[in-house]
């Protein structure tokens, strides 16, 4: 289990993302990606969507997103 979680955290850290916000966003949006390649690609640490929502390793003002109504792919 730890290895699986770390396999998500390390790429996030390598892209200067807040690991907690990345995991939260990943778990929030993943059910809406419907296993489509384009939806899954939007959830990679280097994607513009993730860079916008999760950038910054230190974040004093952590605002969590609400679940999306529709994930635009």
N, C-alpha and C. Protein backbone atom coordinates (compact mmCIF):
# COMPACT_ATOMS: atom_id res chain seq x y z
N UNK A 1 0.83 -1.20 0.00
CA UNK A 1 0.00 0.00 0.00
C UNK A 1 0.87 1.26 0.00
N UNK A 2 1.88 1.28 0.82
CA UNK A 2 2.76 2.44 0.88
C UNK A 2 3.43 2.69 -0.45
N UNK A 3 3.83 1.62 -1.14
CA UNK A 3 4.49 1.77 -2.43
C UNK A 3 3.56 2.40 -3.45
N UNK A 4 2.31 2.03 -3.41
CA UNK A 4 1.34 2.59 -4.35
C UNK A 4 1.16 4.09 -4.10
N UNK A 5 1.01 4.47 -2.85
CA UNK A 5 0.83 5.89 -2.51
C UNK A 5 2.08 6.67 -2.90
N UNK A 6 3.26 6.12 -2.60
CA UNK A 6 4.50 6.81 -2.93
C UNK A 6 4.69 6.94 -4.44
N UNK A 7 4.13 6.01 -5.22
CA UNK A 7 4.25 6.10 -6.67
C UNK A 7 3.44 7.28 -7.22
N UNK A 8 2.50 7.80 -6.44
CA UNK A 8 1.79 9.02 -6.81
C UNK A 8 2.47 10.26 -6.25
N UNK A 9 3.00 10.15 -5.04
CA UNK A 9 3.58 11.31 -4.37
C UNK A 9 4.90 11.75 -4.99
N UNK A 10 5.78 10.82 -5.32
CA UNK A 10 7.09 11.19 -5.85
C UNK A 10 7.03 11.96 -7.17
N UNK A 11 6.23 11.53 -8.15
CA UNK A 11 6.12 12.36 -9.37
C UNK A 11 5.51 13.74 -9.08
N UNK A 12 4.59 13.80 -8.12
CA UNK A 12 4.02 15.10 -7.75
C UNK A 12 5.09 16.00 -7.17
N UNK A 13 5.92 15.48 -6.29
CA UNK A 13 7.00 16.27 -5.71
C UNK A 13 8.01 16.68 -6.77
N UNK A 14 8.28 15.80 -7.72
CA UNK A 14 9.23 16.12 -8.80
C UNK A 14 8.72 17.27 -9.67
N UNK A 15 7.40 17.45 -9.71
CA UNK A 15 6.80 18.54 -10.49
C UNK A 15 6.43 19.74 -9.61
N UNK A 16 7.00 19.80 -8.41
CA UNK A 16 6.76 20.90 -7.46
C UNK A 16 5.28 21.09 -7.13
N UNK A 17 4.60 19.98 -6.89
CA UNK A 17 3.19 20.04 -6.53
C UNK A 17 3.02 19.78 -5.04
N UNK A 18 1.94 20.30 -4.49
CA UNK A 18 1.55 19.98 -3.13
C UNK A 18 1.00 18.56 -3.15
N UNK A 19 1.69 17.63 -2.49
CA UNK A 19 1.33 16.21 -2.57
C UNK A 19 -0.08 15.95 -2.05
N UNK A 20 -0.47 16.61 -0.96
CA UNK A 20 -1.81 16.40 -0.43
C UNK A 20 -2.86 16.86 -1.43
N UNK A 21 -2.68 18.07 -1.99
CA UNK A 21 -3.65 18.58 -2.95
C UNK A 21 -3.69 17.72 -4.21
N UNK A 22 -2.53 17.17 -4.61
CA UNK A 22 -2.50 16.30 -5.79
C UNK A 22 -3.29 15.02 -5.53
N UNK A 23 -3.04 14.36 -4.40
CA UNK A 23 -3.78 13.14 -4.09
C UNK A 23 -5.28 13.41 -3.96
N UNK A 24 -5.62 14.52 -3.32
CA UNK A 24 -7.02 14.88 -3.17
C UNK A 24 -7.67 15.10 -4.54
N UNK A 25 -7.01 15.87 -5.39
CA UNK A 25 -7.54 16.16 -6.72
C UNK A 25 -7.62 14.89 -7.56
N UNK A 26 -6.61 14.05 -7.46
CA UNK A 26 -6.59 12.79 -8.20
C UNK A 26 -7.78 11.92 -7.80
N UNK A 27 -8.00 11.76 -6.51
CA UNK A 27 -9.11 10.93 -6.04
C UNK A 27 -10.46 11.58 -6.33
N UNK A 28 -10.49 12.89 -6.39
CA UNK A 28 -11.74 13.60 -6.68
C UNK A 28 -12.14 13.47 -8.14
N UNK A 29 -11.17 13.60 -9.04
CA UNK A 29 -11.47 13.59 -10.48
C UNK A 29 -11.41 12.21 -11.13
N UNK A 30 -10.71 11.27 -10.53
CA UNK A 30 -10.51 9.97 -11.17
C UNK A 30 -11.82 9.26 -11.53
N UNK A 31 -12.84 9.26 -10.67
CA UNK A 31 -14.08 8.58 -11.07
C UNK A 31 -14.74 9.17 -12.31
N UNK A 32 -14.45 10.44 -12.61
CA UNK A 32 -15.06 11.10 -13.76
C UNK A 32 -14.25 10.92 -15.04
N UNK A 33 -13.05 10.36 -14.94
CA UNK A 33 -12.24 10.19 -16.14
C UNK A 33 -12.72 9.02 -16.99
N UNK A 34 -13.47 8.11 -16.41
CA UNK A 34 -14.08 6.97 -17.11
C UNK A 34 -13.08 6.14 -17.90
N UNK A 35 -11.89 6.04 -17.36
CA UNK A 35 -10.82 5.22 -17.96
C UNK A 35 -10.51 5.60 -19.41
N UNK A 36 -10.82 6.81 -19.79
CA UNK A 36 -10.45 7.28 -21.13
C UNK A 36 -9.04 7.84 -21.05
N UNK A 37 -8.27 7.59 -22.08
CA UNK A 37 -6.87 8.02 -22.07
C UNK A 37 -6.73 9.52 -21.89
N UNK A 38 -7.57 10.30 -22.55
CA UNK A 38 -7.46 11.76 -22.43
C UNK A 38 -7.81 12.22 -21.03
N UNK A 39 -8.77 11.58 -20.40
CA UNK A 39 -9.13 11.94 -19.02
C UNK A 39 -8.03 11.58 -18.05
N UNK A 40 -7.41 10.44 -18.24
CA UNK A 40 -6.32 10.02 -17.38
C UNK A 40 -5.10 10.90 -17.58
N UNK A 41 -4.83 11.31 -18.83
CA UNK A 41 -3.69 12.18 -19.10
C UNK A 41 -3.85 13.53 -18.41
N UNK A 42 -5.08 14.00 -18.24
CA UNK A 42 -5.31 15.26 -17.55
C UNK A 42 -4.98 15.17 -16.07
N UNK A 43 -4.86 13.97 -15.54
CA UNK A 43 -4.58 13.79 -14.12
C UNK A 43 -3.11 13.50 -13.83
N UNK A 44 -2.26 13.56 -14.85
CA UNK A 44 -0.83 13.36 -14.62
C UNK A 44 -0.23 14.62 -14.00
N UNK A 45 0.86 14.49 -13.23
CA UNK A 45 1.44 15.65 -12.56
C UNK A 45 1.89 16.77 -13.49
N UNK A 46 2.16 16.47 -14.74
CA UNK A 46 2.63 17.51 -15.67
C UNK A 46 1.51 18.18 -16.45
N UNK A 47 0.27 17.75 -16.26
CA UNK A 47 -0.84 18.33 -17.03
C UNK A 47 -1.16 19.74 -16.54
N UNK A 48 -1.65 20.61 -17.43
CA UNK A 48 -2.00 21.98 -17.03
C UNK A 48 -3.06 22.04 -15.94
N UNK A 49 -4.04 21.15 -15.97
CA UNK A 49 -5.09 21.12 -14.96
C UNK A 49 -4.50 20.90 -13.57
N UNK A 50 -3.64 19.90 -13.46
CA UNK A 50 -3.03 19.57 -12.17
C UNK A 50 -2.04 20.64 -11.75
N UNK A 51 -1.27 21.17 -12.69
CA UNK A 51 -0.33 22.25 -12.36
C UNK A 51 -1.08 23.46 -11.78
N UNK A 52 -2.24 23.76 -12.34
CA UNK A 52 -3.02 24.91 -11.87
C UNK A 52 -3.60 24.66 -10.48
N UNK A 53 -4.14 23.48 -10.25
CA UNK A 53 -4.84 23.20 -9.00
C UNK A 53 -3.92 22.81 -7.85
N UNK A 54 -2.72 22.30 -8.14
CA UNK A 54 -1.90 21.71 -7.08
C UNK A 54 -0.49 22.28 -6.99
N UNK A 55 -0.20 23.36 -7.67
CA UNK A 55 1.17 23.87 -7.66
C UNK A 55 1.53 24.44 -6.30
N UNK A 56 2.82 24.39 -5.98
CA UNK A 56 3.32 24.92 -4.72
C UNK A 56 3.46 23.85 -3.67
N UNK A 57 4.67 23.58 -3.26
CA UNK A 57 4.90 22.56 -2.23
C UNK A 57 4.36 23.02 -0.89
N UNK A 58 4.57 24.29 -0.56
CA UNK A 58 4.07 24.83 0.70
C UNK A 58 2.88 25.71 0.38
N UNK A 59 1.77 25.46 1.05
CA UNK A 59 0.56 26.22 0.81
C UNK A 59 -0.12 26.48 2.14
N UNK A 60 -0.03 27.71 2.62
CA UNK A 60 -0.64 28.05 3.90
C UNK A 60 -2.15 28.16 3.80
N UNK A 61 -2.64 28.50 2.63
CA UNK A 61 -4.07 28.69 2.43
C UNK A 61 -4.60 27.54 1.58
N UNK A 62 -4.79 26.40 2.18
CA UNK A 62 -5.20 25.20 1.46
C UNK A 62 -6.72 25.22 1.27
N UNK A 63 -7.14 25.42 0.03
CA UNK A 63 -8.56 25.40 -0.28
C UNK A 63 -8.84 24.16 -1.12
N UNK A 64 -9.70 23.31 -0.61
CA UNK A 64 -10.03 22.09 -1.32
C UNK A 64 -11.18 22.34 -2.28
N UNK A 65 -11.15 21.66 -3.41
CA UNK A 65 -12.17 21.84 -4.43
C UNK A 65 -13.40 21.01 -4.10
N UNK A 66 -14.53 21.45 -4.63
CA UNK A 66 -15.74 20.65 -4.55
C UNK A 66 -15.69 19.61 -5.66
N UNK A 67 -16.41 18.50 -5.50
CA UNK A 67 -16.43 17.50 -6.58
C UNK A 67 -16.93 18.12 -7.87
N UNK A 68 -16.30 17.78 -9.00
CA UNK A 68 -16.74 18.36 -10.27
C UNK A 68 -18.07 17.79 -10.71
N UNK A 69 -18.84 18.63 -11.39
CA UNK A 69 -20.10 18.14 -11.95
C UNK A 69 -19.81 17.33 -13.21
N UNK A 70 -18.98 17.87 -14.06
CA UNK A 70 -18.58 17.18 -15.29
C UNK A 70 -17.12 17.46 -15.52
N UNK A 71 -16.36 16.43 -15.79
CA UNK A 71 -14.96 16.59 -16.13
C UNK A 71 -14.88 16.77 -17.64
N UNK A 72 -14.46 17.93 -18.07
CA UNK A 72 -14.33 18.17 -19.50
C UNK A 72 -13.03 17.58 -19.98
N UNK A 73 -13.13 16.69 -20.89
CA UNK A 73 -11.95 15.98 -21.38
C UNK A 73 -11.53 16.52 -22.71
